[in-house]
Structure formats: structure tokens, C-alpha cells
């Protein structure tokens, strides 16, 4: 396989992988926030006196949920801008 074709193939597959990583991260976060908010409202409706405690726990879990997504975005951006597959294929460090 010619080097230029191999490089373009790696770049194309990396772009698809980055899109999948970011898309599934956003989808998972949206589903997680929907479930989290629904369960918070159910708990608040059942026991209104526990709303402050439930709210604190909800925000802690929301922060953890966002942190997992941001790790995925960081990995995706690493693949997009400092592609280790491309440098391994071309043999050039920092390509």
C-alpha cells in the first residue's frame, strides 16, 4: 500500500473514531442526566424534607458524570491532534 493512501486511510478512520467517541460521550451524558434528574424528582416528591441532601448528592453525581465525558473528549482530541497511529505508520515522531 502506498504511504499516502495509508496515511489518508488512518486519518479518515481516526476522524470517524473521534466522532464516535464524542457522540457516544454526549449520548451517555444526556441519558445519565435524564435518569439522574428523574430519580431526583421522584425522591423529592416522596420525601420533600430530604431535598437539600438529595440535591447535594445529585450535583456530586452530575459532576462525576461530566468528568467521565470530559475524559472521553480529551482522548478524542488526543487522537485528532497528536495521532499516535499516524506517527507509528509513517515512522516520523510528532507527525
PDB file of N, CA and C in Angstrom:
ATOM      1  N   UNK A   1       0.838  -1.170   0.000  1.00  0.00           N
ATOM      2  CA  UNK A   1       0.000   0.000   0.000  1.00  0.00           C
ATOM      3  C   UNK A   1       0.888   1.239   0.000  1.00  0.00           C
ATOM      4  N   UNK A   2       0.522   2.174  -0.785  1.00  0.00           N
ATOM      5  CA  UNK A   2       1.297   3.401  -0.880  1.00  0.00           C
ATOM      6  C   UNK A   2       1.170   4.198   0.418  1.00  0.00           C
ATOM      7  N   UNK A   3       2.216   4.897   0.770  1.00  0.00           N
ATOM      8  CA  UNK A   3       2.253   5.621   2.040  1.00  0.00           C
ATOM      9  C   UNK A   3       1.157   6.683   2.112  1.00  0.00           C
ATOM     10  N   UNK A   4       0.934   7.415   1.035  1.00  0.00           N
ATOM     11  CA  UNK A   4      -0.086   8.474   1.048  1.00  0.00           C
ATOM     12  C   UNK A   4      -1.478   7.886   1.237  1.00  0.00           C
ATOM     13  N   UNK A   5      -1.746   6.748   0.620  1.00  0.00           N
ATOM     14  CA  UNK A   5      -3.057   6.111   0.779  1.00  0.00           C
ATOM     15  C   UNK A   5      -3.230   5.583   2.198  1.00  0.00           C
ATOM     16  N   UNK A   6      -2.153   5.049   2.749  1.00  0.00           N
ATOM     17  CA  UNK A   6      -2.226   4.539   4.110  1.00  0.00           C
ATOM     18  C   UNK A   6      -2.435   5.680   5.111  1.00  0.00           C
ATOM     19  N   UNK A   7      -1.754   6.797   4.906  1.00  0.00           N
ATOM     20  CA  UNK A   7      -1.898   7.953   5.788  1.00  0.00           C
ATOM     21  C   UNK A   7      -3.310   8.508   5.713  1.00  0.00           C
ATOM     22  N   UNK A   8      -3.862   8.618   4.514  1.00  0.00           N
ATOM     23  CA  UNK A   8      -5.227   9.140   4.387  1.00  0.00           C
ATOM     24  C   UNK A   8      -6.241   8.171   4.987  1.00  0.00           C
ATOM     25  N   UNK A   9      -5.984   6.872   4.866  1.00  0.00           N
ATOM     26  CA  UNK A   9      -6.866   5.880   5.479  1.00  0.00           C
ATOM     27  C   UNK A   9      -6.837   5.994   7.008  1.00  0.00           C
ATOM     28  N   UNK A  10      -5.660   6.151   7.574  1.00  0.00           N
ATOM     29  CA  UNK A  10      -5.539   6.308   9.024  1.00  0.00           C
ATOM     30  C   UNK A  10      -6.211   7.590   9.482  1.00  0.00           C
ATOM     31  N   UNK A  11      -6.031   8.679   8.753  1.00  0.00           N
ATOM     32  CA  UNK A  11      -6.674   9.942   9.133  1.00  0.00           C
ATOM     33  C   UNK A  11      -8.192   9.841   9.054  1.00  0.00           C
ATOM     34  N   UNK A  12      -8.699   9.185   8.041  1.00  0.00           N
ATOM     35  CA  UNK A  12     -10.142   9.022   7.906  1.00  0.00           C
ATOM     36  C   UNK A  12     -10.733   8.161   9.009  1.00  0.00           C
ATOM     37  N   UNK A  13     -10.091   7.047   9.301  1.00  0.00           N
ATOM     38  CA  UNK A  13     -10.581   6.182  10.374  1.00  0.00           C
ATOM     39  C   UNK A  13     -10.475   6.860  11.737  1.00  0.00           C
ATOM     40  N   UNK A  14      -9.427   7.662  11.924  1.00  0.00           N
ATOM     41  CA  UNK A  14      -9.294   8.397  13.176  1.00  0.00           C
ATOM     42  C   UNK A  14     -10.398   9.434  13.321  1.00  0.00           C
ATOM     43  N   UNK A  15     -10.743  10.110  12.228  1.00  0.00           N
ATOM     44  CA  UNK A  15     -11.835  11.091  12.278  1.00  0.00           C
ATOM     45  C   UNK A  15     -13.161  10.412  12.627  1.00  0.00           C
ATOM     46  N   UNK A  16     -13.398   9.248  12.070  1.00  0.00           N
ATOM     47  CA  UNK A  16     -14.624   8.503  12.403  1.00  0.00           C
ATOM     48  C   UNK A  16     -14.603   8.086  13.872  1.00  0.00           C
ATOM     49  N   UNK A  17     -13.457   7.611  14.357  1.00  0.00           N
ATOM     50  CA  UNK A  17     -13.347   7.197  15.758  1.00  0.00           C
ATOM     51  C   UNK A  17     -13.559   8.368  16.709  1.00  0.00           C
ATOM     52  N   UNK A  18     -13.016   9.525  16.367  1.00  0.00           N
ATOM     53  CA  UNK A  18     -13.198  10.718  17.200  1.00  0.00           C
ATOM     54  C   UNK A  18     -14.673  11.096  17.249  1.00  0.00           C
ATOM     55  N   UNK A  19     -15.345  11.036  16.126  1.00  0.00           N
ATOM     56  CA  UNK A  19     -16.773  11.334  16.101  1.00  0.00           C
ATOM     57  C   UNK A  19     -17.585  10.354  16.933  1.00  0.00           C
ATOM     58  N   UNK A  20     -17.235   9.092  16.848  1.00  0.00           N
ATOM     59  CA  UNK A  20     -17.949   8.078  17.640  1.00  0.00           C
ATOM     60  C   UNK A  20     -17.706   8.284  19.133  1.00  0.00           C
ATOM     61  N   UNK A  21     -16.454   8.555  19.512  1.00  0.00           N
ATOM     62  CA  UNK A  21     -16.139   8.762  20.930  1.00  0.00           C
ATOM     63  C   UNK A  21     -16.909   9.958  21.475  1.00  0.00           C
ATOM     64  N   UNK A  22     -16.889  11.071  20.760  1.00  0.00           N
ATOM     65  CA  UNK A  22     -17.587  12.263  21.241  1.00  0.00           C
ATOM     66  C   UNK A  22     -19.106  12.080  21.203  1.00  0.00           C
ATOM     67  N   UNK A  23     -19.600  11.419  20.173  1.00  0.00           N
ATOM     68  CA  UNK A  23     -21.042  11.206  20.070  1.00  0.00           C
ATOM     69  C   UNK A  23     -21.582  10.311  21.166  1.00  0.00           C
ATOM     70  N   UNK A  24     -20.903   9.206  21.424  1.00  0.00           N
ATOM     71  CA  UNK A  24     -21.360   8.319  22.493  1.00  0.00           C
ATOM     72  C   UNK A  24     -21.168   8.955  23.864  1.00  0.00           C
ATOM     73  N   UNK A  25     -20.143   9.784  24.019  1.00  0.00           N
ATOM     74  CA  UNK A  25     -19.973  10.503  25.279  1.00  0.00           C
ATOM     75  C   UNK A  25     -21.126  11.458  25.534  1.00  0.00           C
ATOM     76  N   UNK A  26     -21.526  12.191  24.492  1.00  0.00           N
ATOM     77  CA  UNK A  26     -22.660  13.109  24.634  1.00  0.00           C
ATOM     78  C   UNK A  26     -23.958  12.349  24.863  1.00  0.00           C
ATOM     79  N   UNK A  27     -24.138  11.250  24.160  1.00  0.00           N
ATOM     80  CA  UNK A  27     -25.348  10.450  24.326  1.00  0.00           C
ATOM     81  C   UNK A  27     -25.431   9.856  25.733  1.00  0.00           C
ATOM     82  N   UNK A  28     -24.334   9.316  26.212  1.00  0.00           N
ATOM     83  CA  UNK A  28     -24.321   8.746  27.553  1.00  0.00           C
ATOM     84  C   UNK A  28     -24.566   9.787  28.627  1.00  0.00           C
ATOM     85  N   UNK A  29     -23.996  10.969  28.448  1.00  0.00           N
ATOM     86  CA  UNK A  29     -24.223  12.039  29.415  1.00  0.00           C
ATOM     87  C   UNK A  29     -25.674  12.483  29.408  1.00  0.00           C
ATOM     88  N   UNK A  30     -26.262  12.612  28.236  1.00  0.00           N
ATOM     89  CA  UNK A  30     -27.663  13.023  28.147  1.00  0.00           C
ATOM     90  C   UNK A  30     -28.587  12.002  28.809  1.00  0.00           C
ATOM     91  N   UNK A  31     -28.348  10.737  28.541  1.00  0.00           N
ATOM     92  CA  UNK A  31     -29.161   9.688  29.170  1.00  0.00           C
ATOM     93  C   UNK A  31     -28.947   9.687  30.688  1.00  0.00           C
ATOM     94  N   UNK A  32     -27.688   9.824  31.111  1.00  0.00           N
ATOM     95  CA  UNK A  32     -27.385   9.844  32.533  1.00  0.00           C
ATOM     96  C   UNK A  32     -28.035  11.006  33.262  1.00  0.00           C
ATOM     97  N   UNK A  33     -27.990  12.194  32.653  1.00  0.00           N
ATOM     98  CA  UNK A  33     -28.627  13.349  33.284  1.00  0.00           C
ATOM     99  C   UNK A  33     -30.142  13.193  33.317  1.00  0.00           C
ATOM    100  N   UNK A  34     -30.717  12.590  32.300  1.00  0.00           N
ATOM    101  CA  UNK A  34     -32.161  12.350  32.308  1.00  0.00           C
ATOM    102  C   UNK A  34     -32.571  11.412  33.428  1.00  0.00           C
ATOM    103  N   UNK A  35     -31.842  10.327  33.577  1.00  0.00           N
ATOM    104  CA  UNK A  35     -32.142   9.378  34.662  1.00  0.00           C
ATOM    105  C   UNK A  35     -31.904  10.025  36.019  1.00  0.00           C
ATOM    106  N   UNK A  36     -30.789  10.750  36.145  1.00  0.00           N
ATOM    107  CA  UNK A  36     -30.454  11.400  37.412  1.00  0.00           C
ATOM    108  C   UNK A  36     -31.513  12.419  37.820  1.00  0.00           C
ATOM    109  N   UNK A  37     -31.926  13.259  36.878  1.00  0.00           N
ATOM    110  CA  UNK A  37     -32.946  14.256  37.186  1.00  0.00           C
ATOM    111  C   UNK A  37     -34.284  13.631  37.516  1.00  0.00           C
ATOM    112  N   UNK A  38     -34.652  12.590  36.800  1.00  0.00           N
ATOM    113  CA  UNK A  38     -35.912  11.909  37.076  1.00  0.00           C
ATOM    114  C   UNK A  38     -35.933  11.270  38.453  1.00  0.00           C
ATOM    115  N   UNK A  39     -34.831  10.613  38.806  1.00  0.00           N
ATOM    116  CA  UNK A  39     -34.766   9.979  40.127  1.00  0.00           C
ATOM    117  C   UNK A  39     -34.725  11.020  41.246  1.00  0.00           C
ATOM    118  N   UNK A  40     -34.075  12.160  40.981  1.00  0.00           N
ATOM    119  CA  UNK A  40     -34.069  13.230  41.981  1.00  0.00           C
ATOM    120  C   UNK A  40     -35.484  13.752  42.212  1.00  0.00           C
ATOM    121  N   UNK A  41     -36.232  13.958  41.133  1.00  0.00           N
ATOM    122  CA  UNK A  41     -37.606  14.444  41.283  1.00  0.00           C
ATOM    123  C   UNK A  41     -38.495  13.419  41.971  1.00  0.00           C
ATOM    124  N   UNK A  42     -38.295  12.137  41.687  1.00  0.00           N
ATOM    125  CA  UNK A  42     -39.060  11.095  42.376  1.00  0.00           C
ATOM    126  C   UNK A  42     -38.761  11.099  43.877  1.00  0.00           C
ATOM    127  N   UNK A  43     -37.487  11.197  44.213  1.00  0.00           N
ATOM    128  CA  UNK A  43     -37.111  11.217  45.624  1.00  0.00           C
ATOM    129  C   UNK A  43     -37.616  12.466  46.328  1.00  0.00           C
ATOM    130  N   UNK A  44     -37.569  13.609  45.626  1.00  0.00           N
ATOM    131  CA  UNK A  44     -38.049  14.852  46.226  1.00  0.00           C
ATOM    132  C   UNK A  44     -39.559  14.825  46.420  1.00  0.00           C
ATOM    133  N   UNK A  45     -40.267  14.167  45.501  1.00  0.00           N
ATOM    134  CA  UNK A  45     -41.720  14.087  45.636  1.00  0.00           C
ATOM    135  C   UNK A  45     -42.112  13.142  46.767  1.00  0.00           C
ATOM    136  N   UNK A  46     -41.328  12.099  46.994  1.00  0.00           N
ATOM    137  CA  UNK A  46     -41.670  11.143  48.054  1.00  0.00           C
ATOM    138  C   UNK A  46     -41.338  11.673  49.442  1.00  0.00           C
ATOM    139  N   UNK A  47     -40.177  12.327  49.544  1.00  0.00           N
ATOM    140  CA  UNK A  47     -39.753  12.842  50.856  1.00  0.00           C
ATOM    141  C   UNK A  47     -39.220  14.259  50.688  1.00  0.00           C
ATOM    142  N   UNK A  48     -40.116  15.255  50.720  1.00  0.00           N
ATOM    143  CA  UNK A  48     -39.689  16.648  50.491  1.00  0.00           C
ATOM    144  C   UNK A  48     -38.696  17.170  51.528  1.00  0.00           C
ATOM    145  N   UNK A  49     -38.695  16.580  52.714  1.00  0.00           N
ATOM    146  CA  UNK A  49     -37.774  17.069  53.745  1.00  0.00           C
ATOM    147  C   UNK A  49     -36.320  16.691  53.449  1.00  0.00           C
ATOM    148  N   UNK A  50     -36.099  15.750  52.549  1.00  0.00           N
ATOM    149  CA  UNK A  50     -34.736  15.329  52.196  1.00  0.00           C
ATOM    150  C   UNK A  50     -34.186  16.017  50.948  1.00  0.00           C
ATOM    151  N   UNK A  51     -34.899  17.003  50.421  1.00  0.00           N
ATOM    152  CA  UNK A  51     -34.480  17.651  49.175  1.00  0.00           C
ATOM    153  C   UNK A  51     -33.076  18.242  49.264  1.00  0.00           C
ATOM    154  N   UNK A  52     -32.696  18.965  50.332  1.00  0.00           N
ATOM    155  CA  UNK A  52     -31.323  19.512  50.358  1.00  0.00           C
ATOM    156  C   UNK A  52     -30.243  18.431  50.285  1.00  0.00           C
ATOM    157  N   UNK A  53     -30.431  17.334  51.007  1.00  0.00           N
ATOM    158  CA  UNK A  53     -29.440  16.255  50.974  1.00  0.00           C
ATOM    159  C   UNK A  53     -29.404  15.586  49.593  1.00  0.00           C
ATOM    160  N   UNK A  54     -30.580  15.364  49.019  1.00  0.00           N
ATOM    161  CA  UNK A  54     -30.633  14.742  47.696  1.00  0.00           C
ATOM    162  C   UNK A  54     -30.033  15.650  46.631  1.00  0.00           C
ATOM    163  N   UNK A  55     -30.226  16.949  46.801  1.00  0.00           N
ATOM    164  CA  UNK A  55     -29.701  17.894  45.820  1.00  0.00           C
ATOM    165  C   UNK A  55     -28.171  17.911  45.834  1.00  0.00           C
ATOM    166  N   UNK A  56     -27.590  17.861  47.008  1.00  0.00           N
ATOM    167  CA  UNK A  56     -26.129  17.823  47.112  1.00  0.00           C
ATOM    168  C   UNK A  56     -25.585  16.565  46.447  1.00  0.00           C
ATOM    169  N   UNK A  57     -26.210  15.441  46.732  1.00  0.00           N
ATOM    170  CA  UNK A  57     -25.755  14.180  46.123  1.00  0.00           C
ATOM    171  C   UNK A  57     -25.963  14.185  44.615  1.00  0.00           C
ATOM    172  N   UNK A  58     -27.054  14.815  44.152  1.00  0.00           N
ATOM    173  CA  UNK A  58     -27.312  14.881  42.720  1.00  0.00           C
ATOM    174  C   UNK A  58     -26.215  15.688  42.019  1.00  0.00           C
ATOM    175  N   UNK A  59     -25.793  16.801  42.622  1.00  0.00           N
ATOM    176  CA  UNK A  59     -24.753  17.621  41.995  1.00  0.00           C
ATOM    177  C   UNK A  59     -23.391  16.929  42.016  1.00  0.00           C
ATOM    178  N   UNK A  60     -23.120  16.145  43.033  1.00  0.00           N
ATOM    179  CA  UNK A  60     -21.861  15.386  43.066  1.00  0.00           C
ATOM    180  C   UNK A  60     -21.852  14.357  41.939  1.00  0.00           C
ATOM    181  N   UNK A  61     -22.949  13.637  41.772  1.00  0.00           N
ATOM    182  CA  UNK A  61     -23.026  12.639  40.702  1.00  0.00           C
ATOM    183  C   UNK A  61     -23.002  13.315  39.335  1.00  0.00           C
ATOM    184  N   UNK A  62     -23.626  14.491  39.218  1.00  0.00           N
ATOM    185  CA  UNK A  62     -23.598  15.221  37.951  1.00  0.00           C
ATOM    186  C   UNK A  62     -22.177  15.643  37.595  1.00  0.00           C
ATOM    187  N   UNK A  63     -21.407  16.048  38.582  1.00  0.00           N
ATOM    188  CA  UNK A  63     -20.012  16.396  38.329  1.00  0.00           C
ATOM    189  C   UNK A  63     -19.191  15.195  37.890  1.00  0.00           C
ATOM    190  N   UNK A  64     -19.423  14.049  38.503  1.00  0.00           N
ATOM    191  CA  UNK A  64     -18.716  12.832  38.096  1.00  0.00           C
ATOM    192  C   UNK A  64     -19.127  12.397  36.690  1.00  0.00           C
ATOM    193  N   UNK A  65     -20.390  12.584  36.386  1.00  0.00           N
ATOM    194  CA  UNK A  65     -20.890  12.231  35.056  1.00  0.00           C
ATOM    195  C   UNK A  65     -20.234  13.106  33.989  1.00  0.00           C
ATOM    196  N   UNK A  66     -20.086  14.382  34.273  1.00  0.00           N
ATOM    197  CA  UNK A  66     -19.403  15.278  33.342  1.00  0.00           C
ATOM    198  C   UNK A  66     -17.913  14.970  33.242  1.00  0.00           C
ATOM    199  N   UNK A  67     -17.310  14.554  34.353  1.00  0.00           N
ATOM    200  CA  UNK A  67     -15.880  14.256  34.339  1.00  0.00           C
ATOM    201  C   UNK A  67     -15.569  13.084  33.421  1.00  0.00           C
ATOM    202  N   UNK A  68     -16.400  12.071  33.451  1.00  0.00           N
ATOM    203  CA  UNK A  68     -16.184  10.916  32.573  1.00  0.00           C
ATOM    204  C   UNK A  68     -16.277  11.330  31.109  1.00  0.00           C
ATOM    205  N   UNK A  69     -17.233  12.186  30.803  1.00  0.00           N
ATOM    206  CA  UNK A  69     -17.383  12.666  29.427  1.00  0.00           C
ATOM    207  C   UNK A  69     -16.181  13.499  29.001  1.00  0.00           C
ATOM    208  N   UNK A  70     -15.681  14.342  29.881  1.00  0.00           N
ATOM    209  CA  UNK A  70     -14.534  15.183  29.537  1.00  0.00           C
ATOM    210  C   UNK A  70     -13.274  14.350  29.326  1.00  0.00           C
ATOM    211  N   UNK A  71     -13.148  13.235  30.048  1.00  0.00           N
ATOM    212  CA  UNK A  71     -12.018  12.336  29.798  1.00  0.00           C
ATOM    213  C   UNK A  71     -12.115  11.766  28.389  1.00  0.00           C
ATOM    214  N   UNK A  72     -13.323  11.371  27.984  1.00  0.00           N
ATOM    215  CA  UNK A  72     -13.526  10.876  26.615  1.00  0.00           C
ATOM    216  C   UNK A  72     -13.229  11.931  25.574  1.00  0.00           C
ATOM    217  N   UNK A  73     -13.614  13.166  25.824  1.00  0.00           N
ATOM    218  CA  UNK A  73     -13.314  14.256  24.891  1.00  0.00           C
ATOM    219  C   UNK A  73     -11.812  14.492  24.820  1.00  0.00           C
ATOM    220  N   UNK A  74     -11.132  14.401  25.957  1.00  0.00           N
ATOM    221  CA  UNK A  74      -9.677  14.556  25.959  1.00  0.00           C
ATOM    222  C   UNK A  74      -8.977  13.476  25.153  1.00  0.00           C
ATOM    223  N   UNK A  75      -9.428  12.245  25.281  1.00  0.00           N
ATOM    224  CA  UNK A  75      -8.856  11.141  24.495  1.00  0.00           C
ATOM    225  C   UNK A  75      -9.126  11.359  23.007  1.00  0.00           C
ATOM    226  N   UNK A  76     -10.340  11.787  22.689  1.00  0.00           N
ATOM    227  CA  UNK A  76     -10.686  12.031  21.284  1.00  0.00           C
ATOM    228  C   UNK A  76      -9.842  13.157  20.698  1.00  0.00           C
ATOM    229  N   UNK A  77      -9.636  14.228  21.447  1.00  0.00           N
ATOM    230  CA  UNK A  77      -8.803  15.323  20.944  1.00  0.00           C
ATOM    231  C   UNK A  77      -7.344  14.903  20.816  1.00  0.00           C
ATOM    232  N   UNK A  78      -6.892  14.027  21.705  1.00  0.00           N
ATOM    233  CA  UNK A  78      -5.538  13.494  21.565  1.00  0.00           C
ATOM    234  C   UNK A  78      -5.398  12.735  20.256  1.00  0.00           C
ATOM    235  N   UNK A  79      -6.383  11.900  19.942  1.00  0.00           N
ATOM    236  CA  UNK A  79      -6.332  11.168  18.681  1.00  0.00           C
ATOM    237  C   UNK A  79      -6.444  12.100  17.488  1.00  0.00           C
ATOM    238  N   UNK A  80      -7.190  13.185  17.617  1.00  0.00           N
ATOM    239  CA  UNK A  80      -7.375  14.094  16.490  1.00  0.00           C
ATOM    240  C   UNK A  80      -6.126  14.913  16.196  1.00  0.00           C
ATOM    241  N   UNK A  81      -5.421  15.380  17.237  1.00  0.00           N
ATOM    242  CA  UNK A  81      -4.331  16.315  17.011  1.00  0.00           C
ATOM    243  C   UNK A  81      -2.938  15.726  17.178  1.00  0.00           C
ATOM    244  N   UNK A  82      -2.781  14.667  17.927  1.00  0.00           N
ATOM    245  CA  UNK A  82      -1.476  14.030  18.104  1.00  0.00           C
ATOM    246  C   UNK A  82      -1.653  12.543  17.853  1.00  0.00           C
ATOM    247  N   UNK A  83      -1.992  12.203  16.651  1.00  0.00           N
ATOM    248  CA  UNK A  83      -2.385  10.848  16.301  1.00  0.00           C
ATOM    249  C   UNK A  83      -1.214   9.874  16.437  1.00  0.00           C
ATOM    250  N   UNK A  84      -1.252   8.987  17.431  1.00  0.00           N
ATOM    251  CA  UNK A  84      -0.143   8.042  17.590  1.00  0.00           C
ATOM    252  C   UNK A  84      -0.125   6.972  16.500  1.00  0.00           C
ATOM    253  N   UNK A  85      -1.269   6.688  15.902  1.00  0.00           N
ATOM    254  CA  UNK A  85      -1.317   5.686  14.835  1.00  0.00           C
ATOM    255  C   UNK A  85      -0.623   6.196  13.581  1.00  0.00           C
ATOM    256  N   UNK A  86      -0.783   7.485  13.325  1.00  0.00           N
ATOM    257  CA  UNK A  86      -0.170   8.078  12.143  1.00  0.00           C
ATOM    258  C   UNK A  86       1.344   8.125  12.274  1.00  0.00           C
ATOM    259  N   UNK A  87       1.827   8.493  13.455  1.00  0.00           N
ATOM    260  CA  UNK A  87       3.276   8.554  13.637  1.00  0.00           C
ATOM    261  C   UNK A  87       3.894   7.157  13.623  1.00  0.00           C
ATOM    262  N   UNK A  88       3.142   6.154  14.109  1.00  0.00           N
ATOM    263  CA  UNK A  88       3.674   4.781  14.070  1.00  0.00           C
ATOM    264  C   UNK A  88       3.707   4.244  12.641  1.00  0.00           C
ATOM    265  N   UNK A  89       2.735   4.650  11.836  1.00  0.00           N
ATOM    266  CA  UNK A  89       2.697   4.159  10.453  1.00  0.00           C
ATOM    267  C   UNK A  89       3.754   4.819   9.578  1.00  0.00           C
ATOM    268  N   UNK A  90       3.988   6.108   9.795  1.00  0.00           N
ATOM    269  CA  UNK A  90       4.960   6.811   8.946  1.00  0.00           C
ATOM    270  C   UNK A  90       6.377   6.699   9.471  1.00  0.00           C
ATOM    271  N   UNK A  91       6.525   6.377  10.758  1.00  0.00           N
ATOM    272  CA  UNK A  91       7.850   6.287  11.351  1.00  0.00           C
ATOM    273  C   UNK A  91       8.436   7.636  11.698  1.00  0.00           C
ATOM    274  N   UNK A  92       7.619   8.687  11.631  1.00  0.00           N
ATOM    275  CA  UNK A  92       8.068  10.042  11.948  1.00  0.00           C
ATOM    276  C   UNK A  92       7.534  10.403  13.328  1.00  0.00           C
ATOM    277  N   UNK A  93       8.397  10.793  14.214  1.00  0.00           N
ATOM    278  CA  UNK A  93       7.977  11.187  15.558  1.00  0.00           C
ATOM    279  C   UNK A  93       7.366  12.579  15.479  1.00  0.00           C
ATOM    280  N   UNK A  94       6.160  12.721  16.065  1.00  0.00           N
ATOM    281  CA  UNK A  94       5.490  14.024  16.087  1.00  0.00           C
ATOM    282  C   UNK A  94       4.702  14.336  14.832  1.00  0.00           C
ATOM    283  N   UNK A  95       4.412  13.342  14.008  1.00  0.00           N
ATOM    284  CA  UNK A  95       3.664  13.589  12.773  1.00  0.00           C
ATOM    285  C   UNK A  95       2.203  13.801  13.066  1.00  0.00           C
TER     286      UNK A  95
END
